[in-house]
Protein backbone atom coordinates (compact mmCIF):
# COMPACT_ATOMS: atom_id res chain seq x y z
CA MET A 1 7.37 -23.76 19.60
CA ALA A 2 3.63 -23.72 20.13
CA GLU A 3 3.85 -26.09 23.06
CA ASN A 4 6.28 -23.85 24.86
CA GLU A 5 3.82 -20.96 24.93
CA PHE A 6 1.61 -22.94 27.30
CA ALA A 7 4.35 -23.99 29.66
CA SER A 8 3.93 -23.55 33.34
CA SER A 9 5.45 -20.62 35.29
CA ALA A 10 8.17 -22.99 36.60
CA ASP A 11 9.79 -22.64 33.17
CA ASN A 12 9.67 -18.86 33.42
CA LYS A 13 6.74 -18.77 31.04
CA PRO A 14 3.29 -17.25 31.87
CA ALA A 15 0.80 -19.96 32.83
CA LEU A 16 -2.52 -20.31 30.88
CA LYS A 17 -5.25 -18.76 33.09
CA GLU A 18 -8.45 -19.00 31.11
CA ALA A 19 -10.07 -19.10 27.74
CA VAL A 20 -11.69 -15.81 26.72
CA CYS A 21 -14.09 -14.78 23.99
CA ILE A 22 -13.00 -11.87 21.84
CA ASP A 23 -14.60 -9.95 18.96
CA ALA A 24 -12.09 -9.87 16.07
CA MET A 25 -11.71 -9.64 12.34
CA ARG A 26 -10.97 -13.07 10.99
CA ILE A 27 -9.35 -13.59 7.55
CA TYR A 28 -11.56 -15.91 5.50
CA ASP A 29 -9.68 -15.89 2.24
CA SER A 30 -6.61 -14.14 0.88
CA CYS A 31 -4.36 -14.13 -2.22
CA SER A 32 -0.98 -12.54 -3.05
CA ASP A 33 0.17 -11.31 -6.49
CA LYS A 34 3.35 -10.22 -8.23
CA ASP A 35 2.37 -8.10 -11.21
CA CYS A 36 4.60 -6.57 -13.81
CA LEU A 37 2.53 -3.67 -15.19
CA GLU A 38 4.01 -2.97 -18.55
CA ASP A 39 3.60 0.28 -20.59
CA MET A 40 1.12 2.09 -18.33
CA ARG A 41 0.28 5.54 -19.59
CA VAL A 42 1.13 8.47 -17.25
CA LEU A 43 -1.32 11.32 -17.15
CA PHE A 44 -0.22 14.85 -16.45
CA PRO A 45 -1.99 18.04 -15.30
CA THR A 46 -2.80 20.46 -18.16
CA ALA A 47 -0.13 22.85 -17.03
CA VAL A 48 2.62 20.12 -17.06
CA GLN A 49 1.76 18.51 -20.38
CA PRO A 50 3.58 21.22 -22.52
CA LEU A 51 6.83 20.23 -20.79
CA VAL A 52 6.22 16.64 -21.67
CA ASP A 53 5.48 17.61 -25.24
CA SER A 54 8.78 19.53 -25.59
CA ALA A 55 10.96 16.76 -24.03
CA ALA A 56 13.19 14.39 -26.02
CA ASN A 57 13.83 11.78 -23.30
CA VAL A 58 12.49 10.61 -19.92
CA ARG A 59 13.75 8.76 -16.88
CA VAL A 60 11.62 7.43 -14.04
CA ARG A 61 12.70 8.33 -10.57
CA TYR A 62 10.29 6.53 -8.27
CA VAL A 63 6.67 5.31 -8.12
CA ASP A 64 4.40 5.43 -4.97
CA VAL A 65 0.82 4.34 -4.33
CA ILE A 66 -1.59 7.29 -3.74
CA SER A 67 -4.73 5.29 -3.01
CA VAL A 68 -6.53 2.07 -3.86
CA TYR A 69 -10.29 2.23 -4.51
CA ILE A 70 -12.00 -1.07 -3.59
CA ASP A 71 -15.45 -2.20 -4.78
CA MET A 72 -16.75 -5.60 -3.53
CA GLN A 73 -19.86 -7.29 -4.91
CA PRO A 74 -21.32 -10.82 -4.17
CA ILE A 75 -21.10 -13.25 -7.07
CA PRO A 76 -24.57 -14.50 -8.21
CA PHE A 77 -25.15 -18.26 -8.17
CA ASN A 78 -21.80 -18.77 -6.24
CA ARG A 79 -22.79 -18.24 -2.64
CA GLY A 80 -20.17 -16.90 -0.28
CA TYR A 81 -17.82 -15.64 -2.97
CA TYR A 82 -17.19 -11.95 -3.80
CA SER A 83 -15.73 -10.13 -6.70
CA ILE A 84 -13.30 -7.43 -5.62
CA ASP A 85 -12.42 -4.68 -8.12
CA LEU A 86 -9.31 -2.77 -7.29
CA THR A 87 -8.26 0.57 -8.89
CA PHE A 88 -4.72 1.60 -8.03
CA PHE A 89 -3.60 5.24 -8.41
CA PHE A 90 0.23 5.63 -8.68
CA ASP A 91 2.22 8.80 -8.18
CA VAL A 92 4.98 8.69 -10.82
CA SER A 93 7.95 10.94 -10.58
CA LEU A 94 9.94 11.55 -13.69
CA ASP A 95 12.90 13.59 -15.15
CA LEU A 96 12.41 15.08 -18.51
CA TYR A 97 15.41 15.81 -20.79
CA GLY A 98 16.18 17.46 -24.09
CA GLY A 99 14.14 19.55 -26.50
CA SER A 100 13.59 23.02 -25.19
CA ILE A 101 14.33 21.88 -21.63
CA ILE A 102 17.63 23.10 -20.30
CA GLY A 103 19.20 20.39 -18.15
CA SER A 104 16.38 18.28 -16.61
CA GLU A 105 12.83 18.98 -15.38
CA ARG A 106 11.22 16.89 -12.64
CA VAL A 107 7.50 16.35 -13.05
CA ASN A 108 4.88 14.11 -11.42
CA GLY A 109 1.95 12.36 -13.03
CA ILE A 110 -0.59 9.66 -12.33
CA ALA A 111 -0.81 6.12 -13.62
CA ILE A 112 -3.86 3.94 -13.06
CA PHE A 113 -4.19 0.14 -12.90
CA ASN A 114 -7.36 -1.93 -12.56
CA LYS A 115 -7.33 -5.48 -11.04
CA LYS A 116 -10.02 -7.95 -10.17
CA VAL A 117 -9.83 -10.95 -7.81
CA ILE A 118 -12.43 -13.41 -6.52
CA LEU A 119 -12.31 -14.53 -2.85
CA PHE A 120 -14.48 -16.44 -0.43
CA GLY A 121 -16.01 -14.40 2.36
CA SER A 122 -18.75 -16.63 3.65
CA GLU A 123 -22.32 -15.56 4.32
CA GLY A 124 -24.06 -13.88 7.18
CA ASN A 125 -27.57 -12.61 7.31
CA VAL A 126 -27.59 -11.00 10.70
CA LYS A 127 -27.53 -7.33 11.49
CA MET A 128 -25.32 -5.81 14.17
CA PHE A 129 -26.02 -2.59 16.17
CA SER A 130 -24.07 -0.97 18.89
CA SER A 131 -24.18 2.08 21.12
CA GLU A 132 -21.66 3.73 18.87
CA ASP A 133 -23.83 3.56 15.78
CA SER A 134 -24.94 6.96 14.50
CA CYS A 135 -27.37 5.64 11.90
CA ASP A 136 -30.63 7.58 11.46
CA SER A 137 -33.79 6.94 9.49
CA SER A 138 -32.08 8.17 6.30
CA CYS A 139 -29.22 5.75 6.54
CA ASP A 140 -29.30 2.67 4.29
CA VAL A 141 -29.97 -0.62 6.12
CA GLN A 142 -26.49 -1.86 4.93
CA CYS A 143 -24.89 0.19 7.61
CA SER A 144 -25.76 -2.51 10.18
CA ARG A 145 -25.54 -5.65 8.14
CA MET A 146 -22.76 -8.11 8.91
CA LEU A 147 -20.98 -7.98 5.56
CA PRO A 148 -17.38 -9.01 4.96
CA LYS A 149 -14.72 -6.41 4.27
CA ALA A 150 -12.11 -6.40 1.61
CA THR A 151 -8.60 -5.12 2.34
CA VAL A 152 -5.39 -4.78 0.23
CA GLN A 153 -1.84 -4.40 1.26
CA VAL A 154 0.58 -2.92 -1.16
CA ALA A 155 4.38 -2.85 -0.98
CA ARG A 156 6.33 0.11 -2.35
CA PRO A 157 6.08 -0.29 -6.17
CA VAL A 158 9.35 -0.90 -8.10
CA ALA A 159 9.92 1.64 -10.89
CA LEU A 160 11.27 -0.54 -13.72
CA SER A 161 11.39 1.71 -16.80
CA ALA A 162 9.84 4.67 -18.67
CA LYS A 163 9.64 5.66 -22.28
CA LEU A 164 8.59 8.77 -24.22
CA CYS A 165 6.52 8.29 -27.42
CA ASP A 166 5.41 10.90 -29.77
CA ARG A 167 1.87 10.57 -31.44
CA GLY A 168 1.74 7.50 -33.60
CA ALA A 169 5.21 6.28 -32.82
CA CYS A 170 4.11 3.45 -30.53
CA VAL A 171 0.79 1.97 -29.31
CA CYS A 172 0.53 0.63 -25.87
CA GLY A 173 -2.46 -1.19 -24.39
CA CYS A 174 -2.54 -0.08 -20.73
CA GLU A 175 -4.50 3.11 -21.06
CA PRO A 176 -6.43 4.55 -18.08
CA CYS A 177 -10.12 3.57 -18.21
CA CYS A 178 -11.52 5.62 -15.34
CA VAL A 179 -11.80 9.23 -14.22
CA ILE A 180 -9.28 10.61 -11.79
CA PRO A 181 -11.09 11.54 -8.56
CA ASP A 182 -11.09 15.21 -7.58
CA CYS A 183 -9.46 14.46 -4.29
CA ILE A 184 -6.51 12.94 -6.09
CA ALA A 185 -6.35 15.53 -8.91
CA SER A 186 -6.23 18.35 -6.33
CA ARG A 187 -2.87 17.02 -5.12
CA TYR A 188 -1.40 18.06 -8.52
CA GLY A 189 -3.06 21.46 -8.67
CA GLY A 190 -5.10 21.08 -11.80
CA ALA A 191 -7.26 18.99 -14.11
CA PHE A 192 -5.99 15.99 -16.11
CA ASP A 193 -6.50 15.68 -19.89
CA THR A 194 -6.79 12.03 -20.96
CA SER A 195 -7.06 12.88 -24.64
CA PRO A 196 -4.15 11.99 -27.07
CA GLN A 197 -1.13 14.32 -26.63
CA LYS A 198 1.91 15.17 -28.75
CA ASN A 199 4.14 13.11 -26.41
CA THR A 200 3.00 10.39 -24.13
CA VAL A 201 4.93 8.80 -21.32
CA TYR A 202 4.64 5.03 -20.50
CA VAL A 203 6.09 3.38 -17.40
CA THR A 204 6.61 -0.19 -16.32
CA ILE A 205 5.97 -0.92 -12.60
CA GLY A 206 6.60 -4.05 -10.48
CA LEU A 207 3.77 -4.46 -7.91
CA PHE A 208 3.42 -6.73 -4.90
CA THR A 209 -0.08 -7.05 -3.32
CA ILE A 210 -1.99 -9.11 -0.69
CA VAL A 211 -5.83 -9.10 -0.93
CA GLN A 212 -7.91 -10.31 1.94
CA ILE A 213 -11.54 -10.77 2.90
CA VAL A 214 -12.18 -10.45 6.64
CA ARG A 215 -15.33 -10.77 8.61
CA ASN A 216 -16.18 -9.82 12.30
CA VAL A 217 -16.59 -12.96 14.34
CA GLN A 218 -16.42 -14.04 17.99
CA MET A 219 -13.48 -16.29 18.73
CA LEU A 220 -12.37 -18.33 21.75
CA ILE A 221 -8.62 -17.88 22.53
CA PRO A 222 -6.25 -18.82 25.45
CA ALA A 223 -5.42 -15.96 27.78
CA PHE A 224 -2.32 -15.74 29.99
CA ASP A 225 -2.76 -12.37 31.70
CA PHE A 226 -3.43 -8.73 31.16
CA CYS A 227 -0.85 -6.80 29.24
CA VAL A 228 0.73 -4.81 32.13
CA PRO A 229 3.68 -2.62 30.90
CA GLU A 230 6.98 -3.73 32.49
CA LYS A 231 9.09 -0.80 31.15
CA GLU A 232 9.15 2.62 32.91
CA CYS A 233 8.63 5.70 30.83
CA VAL A 234 11.86 7.71 30.49
CA THR A 235 11.40 11.47 30.77
CA SER A 236 13.07 13.28 28.03
CA SER A 237 14.95 16.59 28.62
CA ASP A 238 14.73 19.75 26.62
CA ASN A 239 18.43 20.32 27.09
CA PRO A 240 20.00 19.50 23.63
CA CYS A 241 23.42 18.85 25.08
CA GLU A 242 22.00 16.33 27.51
CA LEU A 243 20.22 14.53 24.68
CA PHE A 244 23.45 14.58 22.63
CA ARG A 245 25.45 13.03 25.49
CA LYS A 246 23.15 9.99 25.35
CA ILE A 247 24.02 9.22 21.68
CA ASP A 248 26.73 6.54 21.29
CA PHE A 249 29.86 7.55 19.55
CA PRO A 250 29.62 6.59 15.82
CA THR A 251 32.81 4.47 15.70
CA ASP A 252 31.86 2.69 12.50
CA GLU A 253 31.55 6.08 10.65
CA PHE A 254 35.19 6.72 11.36
CA PHE A 255 36.44 3.12 11.01
CA PRO A 256 34.45 1.26 8.26
CA PRO A 257 34.39 -2.54 8.76
CA LYS A 258 36.74 -4.60 6.67
CA ALA A 259 35.43 -7.05 4.03
CA GLY A 260 35.83 -10.03 6.53
CA ASP A 261 33.84 -8.18 9.24
CA CYS A 262 30.60 -7.63 7.30
CA ASN A 263 27.67 -10.06 7.60
CA CYS A 264 26.15 -9.70 4.16
CA GLY A 265 26.65 -8.59 0.63
CA CYS A 266 28.91 -9.57 -2.25
CA GLY A 267 32.47 -10.52 -1.35
CA CYS A 268 31.88 -11.13 2.35
CA ASN A 269 33.37 -14.25 3.99
CA LYS A 270 30.80 -16.89 4.85
């Protein structure tokens, strides 16, 4: 397939015109992980904790990633390698049942996970300045140094289970070990109390991540042509009926496909 990309225009493919130098972020090292985070404590705002203390059962609805704090430091005596500390903050949505709660009560809390990886990021001792820099005399010299950058990609976490424990009933090891930043705590409208409570909620989460170290470099690449748009912009109308007429009739909604017509799933014909 790679050879076809450099075919001549006689094969209806764009011909290679020149080699150009671009400034881009190159991936020097990366790793992927599949972590099962068992029995992570969920922290709740002070105003929500009484609801948790009065509940008799709990069910997890979903888990989402609020933010990931990244700290990268070079490893002494191992040139070119960096230690990357990742702190994940999860938004955990739960349903509380029983006790003094009539029906169910939906609450949200925070779970925290710490992870460390070591990746190769190479070395560079040059400094880079540009016309867009706004550094002044009070800015640290690091603002212009060519250091690598760590990035993390996170898929939507999988909420596996949740359990409610009263004080002393169970001991779990995944306790938060850092302070919740104010910018995250403000999303929940109050301060968080990490001290032992009457009832504690623990969740188990499935997490998929990719961690990378990238560095700004100049690369020589083949160029075919400029990216000139070939599609014309379609002007939309403010008339709702005109927009409605452009929508295809939803035939499948009225006539669901038979088992032999589907392309996937259990029971379909191969």
